[in-house]
Amino acid sequence: MDGTQATLQAPRETKRAPKAPPKIDNKELRRVLRSVKKIARGDGSALWQPIAPGGPSRFDHYQSILLDAFKDQMAGSIRRLKASKPIAVKTRKVVAAMLTLNKFAPDDVVTE
């Protein structure tokens, strides 16, 4: 009986792939989500200021962080949608922030 039990459990352990660490930490993501929410209340002019002198604009920086976070959560979201379950709150917040950023994007940045 013990040999059969070990045989049945062995393939299950080999199928699981190790989970890759997220590309972005939650603290940075929360900071970006708060910043986008604050900018959305205003006119969006703060998005075009560079983060550091000579660095990328806040728009580009925030967009890259949100895109990385969305890519990290994509597999889990698809799995939950296939199971007819709602997607995670974090994913919804990331998507909402991406849509908010696109409202302030210039015409040449937005692709349809």
C-alpha atoms as a PDB file:
ATOM      1  CA  MET A   1       0.000   0.000   0.000  1.00  0.00           C
ATOM      2  CA  ASP A   2       2.835   2.395   0.784  1.00  0.00           C
ATOM      3  CA  GLY A   3       4.444   1.825  -2.608  1.00  0.00           C
ATOM      4  CA  THR A   4       1.207   2.616  -4.403  1.00  0.00           C
ATOM      5  CA  GLN A   5       0.686   5.748  -2.351  1.00  0.00           C
ATOM      6  CA  ALA A   6       4.192   6.995  -3.189  1.00  0.00           C
ATOM      7  CA  THR A   7       3.673   6.263  -6.888  1.00  0.00           C
ATOM      8  CA  LEU A   8       0.421   8.202  -6.972  1.00  0.00           C
ATOM      9  CA  GLN A   9       1.891  11.210  -5.204  1.00  0.00           C
ATOM     10  CA  ALA A  10       5.132  11.448  -7.197  1.00  0.00           C
ATOM     11  CA  PRO A  11       3.691  12.752 -10.500  1.00  0.00           C
ATOM     12  CA  ARG A  12       1.626  15.391  -8.727  1.00  0.00           C
ATOM     13  CA  GLU A  13       4.734  16.915  -7.167  1.00  0.00           C
ATOM     14  CA  THR A  14       6.648  16.964 -10.450  1.00  0.00           C
ATOM     15  CA  LYS A  15       3.836  18.722 -12.342  1.00  0.00           C
ATOM     16  CA  ARG A  16       3.904  21.827 -10.186  1.00  0.00           C
ATOM     17  CA  ALA A  17       6.209  24.468 -11.553  1.00  0.00           C
ATOM     18  CA  PRO A  18       7.942  26.761  -9.086  1.00  0.00           C
ATOM     19  CA  LYS A  19       6.178  30.083  -8.794  1.00  0.00           C
ATOM     20  CA  ALA A  20       8.242  32.965 -10.123  1.00  0.00           C
ATOM     21  CA  PRO A  21       8.682  35.914  -7.784  1.00  0.00           C
ATOM     22  CA  PRO A  22       6.678  38.995  -8.785  1.00  0.00           C
ATOM     23  CA  LYS A  23       8.537  41.607 -10.799  1.00  0.00           C
ATOM     24  CA  ILE A  24       7.234  44.438  -8.653  1.00  0.00           C
ATOM     25  CA  ASP A  25       6.707  44.636  -4.925  1.00  0.00           C
ATOM     26  CA  ASN A  26       3.377  45.535  -3.363  1.00  0.00           C
ATOM     27  CA  LYS A  27       4.715  48.653  -1.667  1.00  0.00           C
ATOM     28  CA  GLU A  28       5.751  50.198  -4.990  1.00  0.00           C
ATOM     29  CA  LEU A  29       2.468  49.183  -6.611  1.00  0.00           C
ATOM     30  CA  ARG A  30       0.418  50.756  -3.802  1.00  0.00           C
ATOM     31  CA  ARG A  31       2.423  53.963  -4.138  1.00  0.00           C
ATOM     32  CA  VAL A  32       1.740  54.112  -7.877  1.00  0.00           C
ATOM     33  CA  LEU A  33      -1.971  53.383  -7.422  1.00  0.00           C
ATOM     34  CA  ARG A  34      -2.252  56.203  -4.861  1.00  0.00           C
ATOM     35  CA  SER A  35      -0.350  58.595  -7.114  1.00  0.00           C
ATOM     36  CA  VAL A  36      -2.543  57.832 -10.119  1.00  0.00           C
ATOM     37  CA  LYS A  37      -5.654  58.348  -8.005  1.00  0.00           C
ATOM     38  CA  LYS A  38      -4.364  61.756  -6.841  1.00  0.00           C
ATOM     39  CA  ILE A  39      -3.431  62.804 -10.369  1.00  0.00           C
ATOM     40  CA  ALA A  40      -6.868  61.768 -11.651  1.00  0.00           C
ATOM     41  CA  ARG A  41      -8.460  64.304  -9.321  1.00  0.00           C
ATOM     42  CA  GLY A  42      -6.458  67.081 -10.974  1.00  0.00           C
ATOM     43  CA  ASP A  43      -5.740  68.011 -14.548  1.00  0.00           C
ATOM     44  CA  GLY A  44      -3.001  65.409 -15.113  1.00  0.00           C
ATOM     45  CA  SER A  45      -0.220  67.921 -15.725  1.00  0.00           C
ATOM     46  CA  ALA A  46       1.956  66.264 -13.058  1.00  0.00           C
ATOM     47  CA  LEU A  47       2.238  63.176 -15.254  1.00  0.00           C
ATOM     48  CA  TRP A  48       4.591  64.893 -17.656  1.00  0.00           C
ATOM     49  CA  GLN A  49       7.179  65.895 -15.062  1.00  0.00           C
ATOM     50  CA  PRO A  50      10.243  63.662 -14.891  1.00  0.00           C
ATOM     51  CA  ILE A  51      10.668  61.506 -11.799  1.00  0.00           C
ATOM     52  CA  ALA A  52      14.335  62.469 -11.577  1.00  0.00           C
ATOM     53  CA  PRO A  53      16.250  65.032 -13.617  1.00  0.00           C
ATOM     54  CA  GLY A  54      16.832  63.507 -17.036  1.00  0.00           C
ATOM     55  CA  GLY A  55      14.672  60.489 -16.200  1.00  0.00           C
ATOM     56  CA  PRO A  56      11.435  59.227 -17.698  1.00  0.00           C
ATOM     57  CA  SER A  57       8.175  61.066 -17.183  1.00  0.00           C
ATOM     58  CA  ARG A  58       5.831  59.917 -14.456  1.00  0.00           C
ATOM     59  CA  PHE A  59       3.411  58.755 -17.141  1.00  0.00           C
ATOM     60  CA  ASP A  60       5.992  56.356 -18.632  1.00  0.00           C
ATOM     61  CA  HIS A  61       7.190  55.193 -15.212  1.00  0.00           C
ATOM     62  CA  TYR A  62       3.687  54.526 -13.874  1.00  0.00           C
ATOM     63  CA  GLN A  63       2.631  52.826 -17.079  1.00  0.00           C
ATOM     64  CA  SER A  64       5.587  50.423 -16.996  1.00  0.00           C
ATOM     65  CA  ILE A  65       4.967  49.548 -13.332  1.00  0.00           C
ATOM     66  CA  LEU A  66       1.260  48.950 -13.913  1.00  0.00           C
ATOM     67  CA  LEU A  67       1.977  46.837 -16.991  1.00  0.00           C
ATOM     68  CA  ASP A  68       4.455  44.659 -15.066  1.00  0.00           C
ATOM     69  CA  ALA A  69       1.939  44.225 -12.249  1.00  0.00           C
ATOM     70  CA  PHE A  70      -0.784  43.296 -14.734  1.00  0.00           C
ATOM     71  CA  LYS A  71       1.458  40.722 -16.432  1.00  0.00           C
ATOM     72  CA  ASP A  72       2.251  39.168 -13.031  1.00  0.00           C
ATOM     73  CA  GLN A  73      -1.441  38.781 -12.237  1.00  0.00           C
ATOM     74  CA  MET A  74      -2.595  37.688 -15.697  1.00  0.00           C
ATOM     75  CA  ALA A  75      -2.312  33.914 -15.224  1.00  0.00           C
ATOM     76  CA  GLY A  76      -4.269  33.905 -11.974  1.00  0.00           C
ATOM     77  CA  SER A  77      -6.930  36.192 -13.395  1.00  0.00           C
ATOM     78  CA  ILE A  78      -7.476  33.984 -16.431  1.00  0.00           C
ATOM     79  CA  ARG A  79      -7.703  30.916 -14.204  1.00  0.00           C
ATOM     80  CA  ARG A  80     -10.316  32.614 -11.997  1.00  0.00           C
ATOM     81  CA  LEU A  81     -12.355  33.820 -14.974  1.00  0.00           C
ATOM     82  CA  LYS A  82     -12.414  30.302 -16.424  1.00  0.00           C
ATOM     83  CA  ALA A  83     -13.759  29.080 -13.088  1.00  0.00           C
ATOM     84  CA  SER A  84     -16.488  31.779 -13.218  1.00  0.00           C
ATOM     85  CA  LYS A  85     -15.046  33.525 -10.177  1.00  0.00           C
ATOM     86  CA  PRO A  86     -14.387  37.249  -9.867  1.00  0.00           C
ATOM     87  CA  ILE A  87     -10.844  38.455 -10.463  1.00  0.00           C
ATOM     88  CA  ALA A  88      -8.735  39.773  -7.603  1.00  0.00           C
ATOM     89  CA  VAL A  89      -9.249  43.261  -6.243  1.00  0.00           C
ATOM     90  CA  LYS A  90      -5.605  44.063  -6.933  1.00  0.00           C
ATOM     91  CA  THR A  91      -6.049  43.247 -10.613  1.00  0.00           C
ATOM     92  CA  ARG A  92      -9.149  45.425 -10.822  1.00  0.00           C
ATOM     93  CA  LYS A  93      -7.271  48.328  -9.233  1.00  0.00           C
ATOM     94  CA  VAL A  94      -4.374  47.930 -11.662  1.00  0.00           C
ATOM     95  CA  VAL A  95      -6.719  47.889 -14.662  1.00  0.00           C
ATOM     96  CA  ALA A  96      -8.610  50.928 -13.355  1.00  0.00           C
ATOM     97  CA  ALA A  97      -5.331  52.816 -12.889  1.00  0.00           C
ATOM     98  CA  MET A  98      -4.220  51.901 -16.417  1.00  0.00           C
ATOM     99  CA  LEU A  99      -7.491  53.211 -17.844  1.00  0.00           C
ATOM    100  CA  THR A 100      -7.157  56.396 -15.795  1.00  0.00           C
ATOM    101  CA  LEU A 101      -3.645  56.951 -17.129  1.00  0.00           C
ATOM    102  CA  ASN A 102      -4.870  56.481 -20.686  1.00  0.00           C
ATOM    103  CA  LYS A 103      -7.368  59.305 -20.214  1.00  0.00           C
ATOM    104  CA  PHE A 104      -4.425  61.684 -19.840  1.00  0.00           C
ATOM    105  CA  ALA A 105      -2.325  60.173 -22.634  1.00  0.00           C
ATOM    106  CA  PRO A 106      -1.614  62.376 -25.636  1.00  0.00           C
ATOM    107  CA  ASP A 107      -3.149  61.318 -28.933  1.00  0.00           C
ATOM    108  CA  ASP A 108       0.104  59.906 -30.327  1.00  0.00           C
ATOM    109  CA  VAL A 109       0.588  57.533 -27.340  1.00  0.00           C
ATOM    110  CA  VAL A 110      -2.854  55.920 -27.321  1.00  0.00           C
ATOM    111  CA  THR A 111      -3.165  53.021 -29.741  1.00  0.00           C
ATOM    112  CA  GLU A 112      -6.471  51.573 -30.837  1.00  0.00           C
END
